[in-house]
Amino acid sequence: MATSTQWVQGTRPRTLPAAVSPVLVGTGAAAAAGSVHIGRALLALAVAVALQIGVNFANDYSDGVRGTDDDRVGPFRLVGSGAVRAATVKAAAWVSFGVAALCGLVLVVLTAEWWLLAVGAAAVAAAWYYTGGSRPYGYRGMGELSVFVFFGLVAVGGTTFVQTGQISASSVLAGAAVGSSACALLLVNNIRDAPKDAGAGKRTLAVFLGQQRSRLLYAGLMTAPFVLALPMIVTADPWVALALLAIPMTARVTVPVLRGDEGPALIPALQGTSFTGLLFASLLTVGLFLS
């Protein structure tokens, strides 16, 4: 039977900043538009974190029953390690999705924007079918695209919308920036796991591209947020330049990936990518508030 510590490890805490970042930035964009609702922001945060935990449990379950997590290098796996029955982890995933759906429903009621139900349903479907179902899209190199859309554009734009009733140009650019950081987080994880994923038949984007091109793409994704911040700095929000203070940390995190570190040596890069994204998002949020 799994311990409480193992269950916490199963949530993959290092990935959770990817759920926090878009809500921070979306709220910052709402502040820049002159309308912040803390209660709605907290509900959006609950949706994002519950979805992230749900997709982590769903990934643990699906990869575990397929045997993809056998002899895994990365973080502790509940099913792959044999610590928890697969059905229990599957149930935990759907409980997490249920929490996300409930919080999302409250937001829909508060805003009276019923079309948001379809967005929420699409987010849950994307979370489950990443590695679930008979044809998981995460096994066909499309995981990064989904992360960019749902943990970037949708999460940032949605957080802004439920507070302001509109989606600003800043929220779109910020959503693309945060989405790029989230993509980099998934990609570095898949770069680390690529040799074992290829052997298990899991064709992630890192497997498709190969090591060299995947690492160059990672560097591009880590650079993209700063490039996307430039139009906001130039056109309307000079305080957004605060986000550029994250460049030194980003460079330090990127170097080990570009120099070819492999296997367990990439685990610090995974953590560094996660917290670099959170640092960028936090600085960008402060800049948007000040603007």
C-alpha atoms as a PDB file:
ATOM      1  CA  MET A   1       0.000   0.000   0.000  1.00  0.00           C
ATOM      2  CA  ALA A   2       1.348   3.418  -0.980  1.00  0.00           C
ATOM      3  CA  THR A   3       2.331   5.910   1.698  1.00  0.00           C
ATOM      4  CA  SER A   4       1.087   9.497   1.769  1.00  0.00           C
ATOM      5  CA  THR A   5       4.537  10.594   0.606  1.00  0.00           C
ATOM      6  CA  GLN A   6       4.311   8.315  -2.416  1.00  0.00           C
ATOM      7  CA  TRP A   7       0.871   9.697  -3.278  1.00  0.00           C
ATOM      8  CA  VAL A   8       2.292  13.221  -3.131  1.00  0.00           C
ATOM      9  CA  GLN A   9       5.131  12.095  -5.403  1.00  0.00           C
ATOM     10  CA  GLY A  10       2.492  10.653  -7.715  1.00  0.00           C
ATOM     11  CA  THR A  11       1.016  14.123  -8.203  1.00  0.00           C
ATOM     12  CA  ARG A  12       4.429  15.120  -9.655  1.00  0.00           C
ATOM     13  CA  PRO A  13       4.801  18.365  -7.681  1.00  0.00           C
ATOM     14  CA  ARG A  14       7.535  19.664  -9.970  1.00  0.00           C
ATOM     15  CA  THR A  15       4.969  20.025 -12.752  1.00  0.00           C
ATOM     16  CA  LEU A  16       2.436  22.008 -10.693  1.00  0.00           C
ATOM     17  CA  PRO A  17       4.006  25.433 -11.362  1.00  0.00           C
ATOM     18  CA  ALA A  18       2.848  24.900 -14.957  1.00  0.00           C
ATOM     19  CA  ALA A  19      -0.724  25.062 -13.620  1.00  0.00           C
ATOM     20  CA  VAL A  20      -0.105  28.059 -11.361  1.00  0.00           C
ATOM     21  CA  SER A  21       1.721  30.191 -13.954  1.00  0.00           C
ATOM     22  CA  PRO A  22      -1.138  30.747 -16.430  1.00  0.00           C
ATOM     23  CA  VAL A  23      -3.560  31.754 -13.677  1.00  0.00           C
ATOM     24  CA  LEU A  24      -1.068  34.279 -12.303  1.00  0.00           C
ATOM     25  CA  VAL A  25      -0.480  35.764 -15.749  1.00  0.00           C
ATOM     26  CA  GLY A  26      -4.168  35.711 -16.678  1.00  0.00           C
ATOM     27  CA  THR A  27      -4.955  37.619 -13.500  1.00  0.00           C
ATOM     28  CA  GLY A  28      -2.170  40.072 -14.284  1.00  0.00           C
ATOM     29  CA  ALA A  29      -3.716  40.650 -17.720  1.00  0.00           C
ATOM     30  CA  ALA A  30      -7.073  41.210 -16.018  1.00  0.00           C
ATOM     31  CA  ALA A  31      -5.449  43.784 -13.743  1.00  0.00           C
ATOM     32  CA  ALA A  32      -3.965  45.535 -16.760  1.00  0.00           C
ATOM     33  CA  ALA A  33      -7.502  45.702 -18.177  1.00  0.00           C
ATOM     34  CA  GLY A  34      -8.729  47.210 -14.899  1.00  0.00           C
ATOM     35  CA  SER A  35     -10.793  44.330 -13.506  1.00  0.00           C
ATOM     36  CA  VAL A  36      -9.578  41.746 -10.976  1.00  0.00           C
ATOM     37  CA  HIS A  37     -11.842  39.292  -9.136  1.00  0.00           C
ATOM     38  CA  ILE A  38      -9.775  37.374  -6.597  1.00  0.00           C
ATOM     39  CA  GLY A  39     -12.504  34.792  -5.935  1.00  0.00           C
ATOM     40  CA  ARG A  40     -12.757  33.934  -9.633  1.00  0.00           C
ATOM     41  CA  ALA A  41      -8.970  33.840  -9.918  1.00  0.00           C
ATOM     42  CA  LEU A  42      -8.810  31.328  -7.046  1.00  0.00           C
ATOM     43  CA  LEU A  43     -11.466  29.183  -8.706  1.00  0.00           C
ATOM     44  CA  ALA A  44      -9.482  29.274 -11.957  1.00  0.00           C
ATOM     45  CA  LEU A  45      -6.390  28.233  -9.980  1.00  0.00           C
ATOM     46  CA  ALA A  46      -8.284  25.296  -8.472  1.00  0.00           C
ATOM     47  CA  VAL A  47      -9.388  24.216 -11.962  1.00  0.00           C
ATOM     48  CA  ALA A  48      -5.843  24.400 -13.343  1.00  0.00           C
ATOM     49  CA  VAL A  49      -4.165  22.581 -10.436  1.00  0.00           C
ATOM     50  CA  ALA A  50      -6.827  19.857 -10.300  1.00  0.00           C
ATOM     51  CA  LEU A  51      -6.481  19.306 -14.056  1.00  0.00           C
ATOM     52  CA  GLN A  52      -2.693  19.098 -13.751  1.00  0.00           C
ATOM     53  CA  ILE A  53      -2.905  16.562 -10.930  1.00  0.00           C
ATOM     54  CA  GLY A  54      -5.570  14.655 -12.851  1.00  0.00           C
ATOM     55  CA  VAL A  55      -3.481  14.418 -16.003  1.00  0.00           C
ATOM     56  CA  ASN A  56      -0.479  13.298 -13.931  1.00  0.00           C
ATOM     57  CA  PHE A  57      -2.498  10.497 -12.321  1.00  0.00           C
ATOM     58  CA  ALA A  58      -4.035   9.589 -15.698  1.00  0.00           C
ATOM     59  CA  ASN A  59      -0.574   9.436 -17.250  1.00  0.00           C
ATOM     60  CA  ASP A  60       0.662   7.286 -14.355  1.00  0.00           C
ATOM     61  CA  TYR A  61      -2.286   4.915 -14.846  1.00  0.00           C
ATOM     62  CA  SER A  62      -2.168   4.671 -18.648  1.00  0.00           C
ATOM     63  CA  ASP A  63       1.604   4.335 -18.952  1.00  0.00           C
ATOM     64  CA  GLY A  64       1.618   1.889 -16.045  1.00  0.00           C
ATOM     65  CA  VAL A  65      -0.930  -0.516 -17.543  1.00  0.00           C
ATOM     66  CA  ARG A  66       0.810  -0.324 -20.945  1.00  0.00           C
ATOM     67  CA  GLY A  67       4.191  -1.126 -19.391  1.00  0.00           C
ATOM     68  CA  THR A  68       5.709   2.155 -20.576  1.00  0.00           C
ATOM     69  CA  ASP A  69       6.777   3.024 -17.024  1.00  0.00           C
ATOM     70  CA  ASP A  70       8.695  -0.215 -16.468  1.00  0.00           C
ATOM     71  CA  ASP A  71      12.271   0.655 -15.461  1.00  0.00           C
ATOM     72  CA  ARG A  72      11.505   4.402 -15.595  1.00  0.00           C
ATOM     73  CA  VAL A  73      14.329   6.915 -14.930  1.00  0.00           C
ATOM     74  CA  GLY A  74      12.194   9.839 -13.765  1.00  0.00           C
ATOM     75  CA  PRO A  75       9.953  10.560 -10.775  1.00  0.00           C
ATOM     76  CA  PHE A  76       8.202   7.867  -8.756  1.00  0.00           C
ATOM     77  CA  ARG A  77       5.301   6.134 -10.539  1.00  0.00           C
ATOM     78  CA  LEU A  78       2.435   4.712  -8.511  1.00  0.00           C
ATOM     79  CA  VAL A  79       1.328   2.001 -10.960  1.00  0.00           C
ATOM     80  CA  GLY A  80       4.709   1.270 -12.561  1.00  0.00           C
ATOM     81  CA  SER A  81       6.302   0.730  -9.155  1.00  0.00           C
ATOM     82  CA  GLY A  82       3.512  -1.610  -8.075  1.00  0.00           C
ATOM     83  CA  ALA A  83       2.763   0.535  -5.020  1.00  0.00           C
ATOM     84  CA  VAL A  84      -0.877   1.183  -5.983  1.00  0.00           C
ATOM     85  CA  ARG A  85      -3.441  -0.776  -7.985  1.00  0.00           C
ATOM     86  CA  ALA A  86      -4.031   0.664 -11.439  1.00  0.00           C
ATOM     87  CA  ALA A  87      -7.779   1.031 -10.819  1.00  0.00           C
ATOM     88  CA  THR A  88      -7.120   3.130  -7.724  1.00  0.00           C
ATOM     89  CA  VAL A  89      -4.871   5.544  -9.622  1.00  0.00           C
ATOM     90  CA  LYS A  90      -7.454   5.764 -12.412  1.00  0.00           C
ATOM     91  CA  ALA A  91     -10.094   6.647  -9.822  1.00  0.00           C
ATOM     92  CA  ALA A  92      -7.778   9.319  -8.357  1.00  0.00           C
ATOM     93  CA  ALA A  93      -7.423  10.839 -11.826  1.00  0.00           C
ATOM     94  CA  TRP A  94     -11.185  11.069 -12.280  1.00  0.00           C
ATOM     95  CA  VAL A  95     -11.699  12.486  -8.789  1.00  0.00           C
ATOM     96  CA  SER A  96      -9.213  15.222  -9.717  1.00  0.00           C
ATOM     97  CA  PHE A  97     -11.042  15.864 -12.980  1.00  0.00           C
ATOM     98  CA  GLY A  98     -14.289  16.006 -10.998  1.00  0.00           C
ATOM     99  CA  VAL A  99     -12.871  18.679  -8.683  1.00  0.00           C
ATOM    100  CA  ALA A 100     -11.756  20.679 -11.728  1.00  0.00           C
ATOM    101  CA  ALA A 101     -15.193  20.301 -13.313  1.00  0.00           C
ATOM    102  CA  LEU A 102     -16.992  21.397 -10.130  1.00  0.00           C
ATOM    103  CA  CYS A 103     -14.853  24.515  -9.721  1.00  0.00           C
ATOM    104  CA  GLY A 104     -15.249  25.246 -13.413  1.00  0.00           C
ATOM    105  CA  LEU A 105     -19.024  24.915 -13.127  1.00  0.00           C
ATOM    106  CA  VAL A 106     -19.055  27.492 -10.333  1.00  0.00           C
ATOM    107  CA  LEU A 107     -17.152  29.865 -12.610  1.00  0.00           C
ATOM    108  CA  VAL A 108     -19.648  29.251 -15.419  1.00  0.00           C
ATOM    109  CA  VAL A 109     -22.548  30.047 -13.097  1.00  0.00           C
ATOM    110  CA  LEU A 110     -20.854  33.213 -11.817  1.00  0.00           C
ATOM    111  CA  THR A 111     -20.109  34.487 -15.311  1.00  0.00           C
ATOM    112  CA  ALA A 112     -23.258  33.097 -17.001  1.00  0.00           C
ATOM    113  CA  GLU A 113     -21.028  32.174 -19.958  1.00  0.00           C
ATOM    114  CA  TRP A 114     -22.397  28.692 -20.591  1.00  0.00           C
ATOM    115  CA  TRP A 115     -20.228  28.059 -23.640  1.00  0.00           C
ATOM    116  CA  LEU A 116     -17.327  27.708 -21.193  1.00  0.00           C
ATOM    117  CA  LEU A 117     -18.717  24.255 -20.349  1.00  0.00           C
ATOM    118  CA  ALA A 118     -17.522  23.086 -23.780  1.00  0.00           C
ATOM    119  CA  VAL A 119     -14.052  24.487 -23.079  1.00  0.00           C
ATOM    120  CA  GLY A 120     -13.936  22.643 -19.772  1.00  0.00           C
ATOM    121  CA  ALA A 121     -15.080  19.389 -21.359  1.00  0.00           C
ATOM    122  CA  ALA A 122     -12.398  19.740 -24.038  1.00  0.00           C
ATOM    123  CA  ALA A 123      -9.742  20.320 -21.357  1.00  0.00           C
ATOM    124  CA  VAL A 124     -10.748  17.160 -19.456  1.00  0.00           C
ATOM    125  CA  ALA A 125     -10.832  15.140 -22.688  1.00  0.00           C
ATOM    126  CA  ALA A 126      -7.380  16.434 -23.630  1.00  0.00           C
ATOM    127  CA  ALA A 127      -6.072  15.509 -20.174  1.00  0.00           C
ATOM    128  CA  TRP A 128      -7.398  11.950 -20.343  1.00  0.00           C
ATOM    129  CA  TYR A 129      -6.589  11.119 -23.964  1.00  0.00           C
ATOM    130  CA  TYR A 130      -3.018  12.391 -23.686  1.00  0.00           C
ATOM    131  CA  THR A 131      -2.020   8.847 -22.731  1.00  0.00           C
ATOM    132  CA  GLY A 132      -5.477   7.258 -22.261  1.00  0.00           C
ATOM    133  CA  GLY A 133      -7.782   5.510 -24.686  1.00  0.00           C
ATOM    134  CA  SER A 134      -6.896   3.252 -27.588  1.00  0.00           C
ATOM    135  CA  ARG A 135      -5.086   5.962 -29.591  1.00  0.00           C
ATOM    136  CA  PRO A 136      -3.435   8.384 -27.111  1.00  0.00           C
ATOM    137  CA  TYR A 137      -2.218  11.497 -28.891  1.00  0.00           C
ATOM    138  CA  GLY A 138       0.744  11.775 -26.512  1.00  0.00           C
ATOM    139  CA  TYR A 139       2.073   8.611 -28.150  1.00  0.00           C
ATOM    140  CA  ARG A 140       1.941  10.362 -31.542  1.00  0.00           C
ATOM    141  CA  GLY A 141       4.013  13.430 -30.803  1.00  0.00           C
ATOM    142  CA  MET A 142       1.132  15.834 -30.115  1.00  0.00           C
ATOM    143  CA  GLY A 143       1.513  16.323 -26.368  1.00  0.00           C
ATOM    144  CA  GLU A 144       3.387  19.613 -26.620  1.00  0.00           C
ATOM    145  CA  LEU A 145       0.730  21.107 -28.904  1.00  0.00           C
ATOM    146  CA  SER A 146      -2.002  20.242 -26.393  1.00  0.00           C
ATOM    147  CA  VAL A 147      -0.008  21.718 -23.517  1.00  0.00           C
ATOM    148  CA  PHE A 148       0.539  24.939 -25.475  1.00  0.00           C
ATOM    149  CA  VAL A 149      -3.176  25.279 -26.137  1.00  0.00           C
ATOM    150  CA  PHE A 150      -4.638  24.276 -22.763  1.00  0.00           C
ATOM    151  CA  PHE A 151      -1.928  25.353 -20.294  1.00  0.00           C
ATOM    152  CA  GLY A 152      -1.077  28.440 -22.318  1.00  0.00           C
ATOM    153  CA  LEU A 153      -3.694  30.084 -24.503  1.00  0.00           C
ATOM    154  CA  VAL A 154      -6.806  28.606 -22.868  1.00  0.00           C
ATOM    155  CA  ALA A 155      -5.665  28.864 -19.245  1.00  0.00           C
ATOM    156  CA  VAL A 156      -4.361  32.427 -19.500  1.00  0.00           C
ATOM    157  CA  GLY A 157      -7.149  33.657 -21.778  1.00  0.00           C
ATOM    158  CA  GLY A 158      -9.798  31.881 -19.718  1.00  0.00           C
ATOM    159  CA  THR A 159      -8.518  33.329 -16.440  1.00  0.00           C
ATOM    160  CA  THR A 160      -8.583  36.809 -17.943  1.00  0.00           C
ATOM    161  CA  PHE A 161     -12.020  36.300 -19.487  1.00  0.00           C
ATOM    162  CA  VAL A 162     -13.794  35.147 -16.324  1.00  0.00           C
ATOM    163  CA  GLN A 163     -12.574  38.308 -14.579  1.00  0.00           C
ATOM    164  CA  THR A 164     -12.999  40.899 -17.332  1.00  0.00           C
ATOM    165  CA  GLY A 165     -15.486  39.433 -19.822  1.00  0.00           C
ATOM    166  CA  GLN A 166     -12.973  39.866 -22.629  1.00  0.00           C
ATOM    167  CA  ILE A 167      -9.665  38.547 -23.919  1.00  0.00           C
ATOM    168  CA  SER A 168      -7.047  41.244 -24.437  1.00  0.00           C
ATOM    169  CA  ALA A 169      -4.088  41.269 -26.817  1.00  0.00           C
ATOM    170  CA  SER A 170      -1.811  41.090 -23.776  1.00  0.00           C
ATOM    171  CA  SER A 171      -3.537  37.920 -22.554  1.00  0.00           C
ATOM    172  CA  VAL A 172      -3.046  36.264 -25.959  1.00  0.00           C
ATOM    173  CA  LEU A 173       0.662  37.122 -26.104  1.00  0.00           C
ATOM    174  CA  ALA A 174       1.091  36.161 -22.458  1.00  0.00           C
ATOM    175  CA  GLY A 175      -0.775  32.913 -23.073  1.00  0.00           C
ATOM    176  CA  ALA A 176       1.599  32.028 -25.907  1.00  0.00           C
ATOM    177  CA  ALA A 177       4.571  32.857 -23.675  1.00  0.00           C
ATOM    178  CA  VAL A 178       3.332  30.709 -20.787  1.00  0.00           C
ATOM    179  CA  GLY A 179       2.357  27.955 -23.215  1.00  0.00           C
ATOM    180  CA  SER A 180       5.906  27.912 -24.584  1.00  0.00           C
ATOM    181  CA  SER A 181       7.277  27.445 -21.071  1.00  0.00           C
ATOM    182  CA  ALA A 182       4.832  24.592 -20.443  1.00  0.00           C
ATOM    183  CA  CYS A 183       5.864  22.972 -23.737  1.00  0.00           C
ATOM    184  CA  ALA A 184       9.521  23.199 -22.715  1.00  0.00           C
ATOM    185  CA  LEU A 185       8.693  21.445 -19.439  1.00  0.00           C
ATOM    186  CA  LEU A 186       7.017  18.534 -21.214  1.00  0.00           C
ATOM    187  CA  LEU A 187       9.715  18.379 -23.879  1.00  0.00           C
ATOM    188  CA  VAL A 188      12.643  18.154 -21.457  1.00  0.00           C
ATOM    189  CA  ASN A 189      10.780  15.377 -19.637  1.00  0.00           C
ATOM    190  CA  ASN A 190      10.335  13.540 -22.930  1.00  0.00           C
ATOM    191  CA  ILE A 191      13.966  14.138 -23.954  1.00  0.00           C
ATOM    192  CA  ARG A 192      15.048  12.422 -20.749  1.00  0.00           C
ATOM    193  CA  ASP A 193      12.678   9.500 -21.340  1.00  0.00           C
ATOM    194  CA  ALA A 194      13.121   9.246 -25.138  1.00  0.00           C
ATOM    195  CA  PRO A 195      15.299   6.090 -25.245  1.00  0.00           C
ATOM    196  CA  LYS A 196      12.918   4.090 -23.042  1.00  0.00           C
ATOM    197  CA  ASP A 197       9.816   5.602 -24.686  1.00  0.00           C
ATOM    198  CA  ALA A 198      11.069   4.556 -28.121  1.00  0.00           C
ATOM    199  CA  GLY A 199      11.642   1.020 -26.885  1.00  0.00           C
ATOM    200  CA  ALA A 200       8.143   0.896 -25.399  1.00  0.00           C
ATOM    201  CA  GLY A 201       6.486   2.221 -28.564  1.00  0.00           C
ATOM    202  CA  LYS A 202       5.687   5.664 -27.124  1.00  0.00           C
ATOM    203  CA  ARG A 203       6.368   8.080 -29.992  1.00  0.00           C
ATOM    204  CA  THR A 204       6.654  11.422 -28.249  1.00  0.00           C
ATOM    205  CA  LEU A 205       7.817  14.529 -30.075  1.00  0.00           C
ATOM    206  CA  ALA A 206      11.316  13.956 -28.660  1.00  0.00           C
ATOM    207  CA  VAL A 207      11.332  10.462 -30.190  1.00  0.00           C
ATOM    208  CA  PHE A 208      10.139  11.790 -33.556  1.00  0.00           C
ATOM    209  CA  LEU A 209      12.669  14.630 -33.705  1.00  0.00           C
ATOM    210  CA  GLY A 210      15.664  12.850 -32.217  1.00  0.00           C
ATOM    211  CA  GLN A 211      17.942  14.165 -29.497  1.00  0.00           C
ATOM    212  CA  GLN A 212      19.696  17.012 -31.306  1.00  0.00           C
ATOM    213  CA  ARG A 213      16.626  18.645 -32.824  1.00  0.00           C
ATOM    214  CA  SER A 214      14.615  18.137 -29.633  1.00  0.00           C
ATOM    215  CA  ARG A 215      17.254  19.931 -27.592  1.00  0.00           C
ATOM    216  CA  LEU A 216      17.369  22.825 -30.070  1.00  0.00           C
ATOM    217  CA  LEU A 217      13.570  23.047 -29.939  1.00  0.00           C
ATOM    218  CA  TYR A 218      13.761  23.110 -26.143  1.00  0.00           C
ATOM    219  CA  ALA A 219      16.152  26.071 -26.304  1.00  0.00           C
ATOM    220  CA  GLY A 220      13.764  27.819 -28.693  1.00  0.00           C
ATOM    221  CA  LEU A 221      10.807  27.242 -26.376  1.00  0.00           C
ATOM    222  CA  MET A 222      12.763  28.603 -23.422  1.00  0.00           C
ATOM    223  CA  THR A 223      13.626  31.711 -25.445  1.00  0.00           C
ATOM    224  CA  ALA A 224      10.139  32.282 -26.894  1.00  0.00           C
ATOM    225  CA  PRO A 225       8.546  33.815 -23.751  1.00  0.00           C
ATOM    226  CA  PHE A 226      11.044  36.677 -23.776  1.00  0.00           C
ATOM    227  CA  VAL A 227      10.533  37.284 -27.487  1.00  0.00           C
ATOM    228  CA  LEU A 228       6.755  37.327 -26.978  1.00  0.00           C
ATOM    229  CA  ALA A 229       7.127  39.795 -24.110  1.00  0.00           C
ATOM    230  CA  LEU A 230       8.787  42.367 -26.385  1.00  0.00           C
ATOM    231  CA  PRO A 231       5.602  43.483 -28.227  1.00  0.00           C
ATOM    232  CA  MET A 232       3.901  44.062 -24.868  1.00  0.00           C
ATOM    233  CA  ILE A 233       6.867  46.119 -23.648  1.00  0.00           C
ATOM    234  CA  VAL A 234       7.008  48.228 -26.804  1.00  0.00           C
ATOM    235  CA  THR A 235       3.306  48.830 -27.409  1.00  0.00           C
ATOM    236  CA  ALA A 236       1.640  49.327 -24.069  1.00  0.00           C
ATOM    237  CA  ASP A 237       3.143  47.784 -20.956  1.00  0.00           C
ATOM    238  CA  PRO A 238       6.754  48.871 -20.250  1.00  0.00           C
ATOM    239  CA  TRP A 239       6.613  47.299 -16.790  1.00  0.00           C
ATOM    240  CA  VAL A 240       6.426  43.907 -18.535  1.00  0.00           C
ATOM    241  CA  ALA A 241      10.188  44.309 -18.994  1.00  0.00           C
ATOM    242  CA  LEU A 242      10.473  42.943 -15.444  1.00  0.00           C
ATOM    243  CA  ALA A 243       9.948  39.492 -16.966  1.00  0.00           C
ATOM    244  CA  LEU A 244      13.328  39.815 -18.681  1.00  0.00           C
ATOM    245  CA  LEU A 245      14.962  39.418 -15.258  1.00  0.00           C
ATOM    246  CA  ALA A 246      14.305  35.681 -15.653  1.00  0.00           C
ATOM    247  CA  ILE A 247      16.782  35.445 -18.559  1.00  0.00           C
ATOM    248  CA  PRO A 248      19.876  34.511 -16.478  1.00  0.00           C
ATOM    249  CA  MET A 249      18.092  31.626 -14.734  1.00  0.00           C
ATOM    250  CA  THR A 250      16.664  30.479 -18.056  1.00  0.00           C
ATOM    251  CA  ALA A 251      20.145  30.401 -19.584  1.00  0.00           C
ATOM    252  CA  ARG A 252      21.528  28.347 -16.681  1.00  0.00           C
ATOM    253  CA  VAL A 253      18.732  25.797 -16.999  1.00  0.00           C
ATOM    254  CA  THR A 254      19.090  25.529 -20.780  1.00  0.00           C
ATOM    255  CA  VAL A 255      22.855  24.877 -20.873  1.00  0.00           C
ATOM    256  CA  PRO A 256      22.794  21.266 -19.527  1.00  0.00           C
ATOM    257  CA  VAL A 257      20.127  20.313 -22.063  1.00  0.00           C
ATOM    258  CA  LEU A 258      22.074  21.785 -24.986  1.00  0.00           C
ATOM    259  CA  ARG A 259      25.337  20.176 -23.912  1.00  0.00           C
ATOM    260  CA  GLY A 260      23.715  16.743 -24.065  1.00  0.00           C
ATOM    261  CA  ASP A 261      23.112  15.681 -20.459  1.00  0.00           C
ATOM    262  CA  GLU A 262      21.086  12.456 -20.374  1.00  0.00           C
ATOM    263  CA  GLY A 263      18.971  10.282 -18.087  1.00  0.00           C
ATOM    264  CA  PRO A 264      19.068  11.155 -14.374  1.00  0.00           C
ATOM    265  CA  ALA A 265      21.332  14.134 -15.131  1.00  0.00           C
ATOM    266  CA  LEU A 266      18.320  15.825 -16.743  1.00  0.00           C
ATOM    267  CA  ILE A 267      16.133  15.600 -13.642  1.00  0.00           C
ATOM    268  CA  PRO A 268      17.489  18.935 -12.287  1.00  0.00           C
ATOM    269  CA  ALA A 269      16.740  20.463 -15.702  1.00  0.00           C
ATOM    270  CA  LEU A 270      13.126  19.338 -15.351  1.00  0.00           C
ATOM    271  CA  GLN A 271      12.815  21.040 -11.979  1.00  0.00           C
ATOM    272  CA  GLY A 272      14.697  24.090 -13.226  1.00  0.00           C
ATOM    273  CA  THR A 273      12.451  24.413 -16.265  1.00  0.00           C
ATOM    274  CA  SER A 274       9.377  24.271 -14.057  1.00  0.00           C
ATOM    275  CA  PHE A 275      10.533  26.972 -11.663  1.00  0.00           C
ATOM    276  CA  THR A 276      12.001  29.147 -14.408  1.00  0.00           C
ATOM    277  CA  GLY A 277       8.574  29.197 -16.003  1.00  0.00           C
ATOM    278  CA  LEU A 278       7.046  30.155 -12.663  1.00  0.00           C
ATOM    279  CA  LEU A 279       9.633  32.924 -12.170  1.00  0.00           C
ATOM    280  CA  PHE A 280       8.928  34.348 -15.627  1.00  0.00           C
ATOM    281  CA  ALA A 281       5.177  34.181 -14.995  1.00  0.00           C
ATOM    282  CA  SER A 282       5.499  35.859 -11.587  1.00  0.00           C
ATOM    283  CA  LEU A 283       7.609  38.719 -12.943  1.00  0.00           C
ATOM    284  CA  LEU A 284       5.277  39.130 -15.912  1.00  0.00           C
ATOM    285  CA  THR A 285       2.301  39.231 -13.549  1.00  0.00           C
ATOM    286  CA  VAL A 286       3.892  41.966 -11.443  1.00  0.00           C
ATOM    287  CA  GLY A 287       4.638  43.922 -14.611  1.00  0.00           C
ATOM    288  CA  LEU A 288       1.058  43.614 -15.816  1.00  0.00           C
ATOM    289  CA  PHE A 289      -0.287  44.728 -12.441  1.00  0.00           C
ATOM    290  CA  LEU A 290       2.019  47.758 -12.425  1.00  0.00           C
ATOM    291  CA  SER A 291       1.034  48.676 -15.971  1.00  0.00           C
END
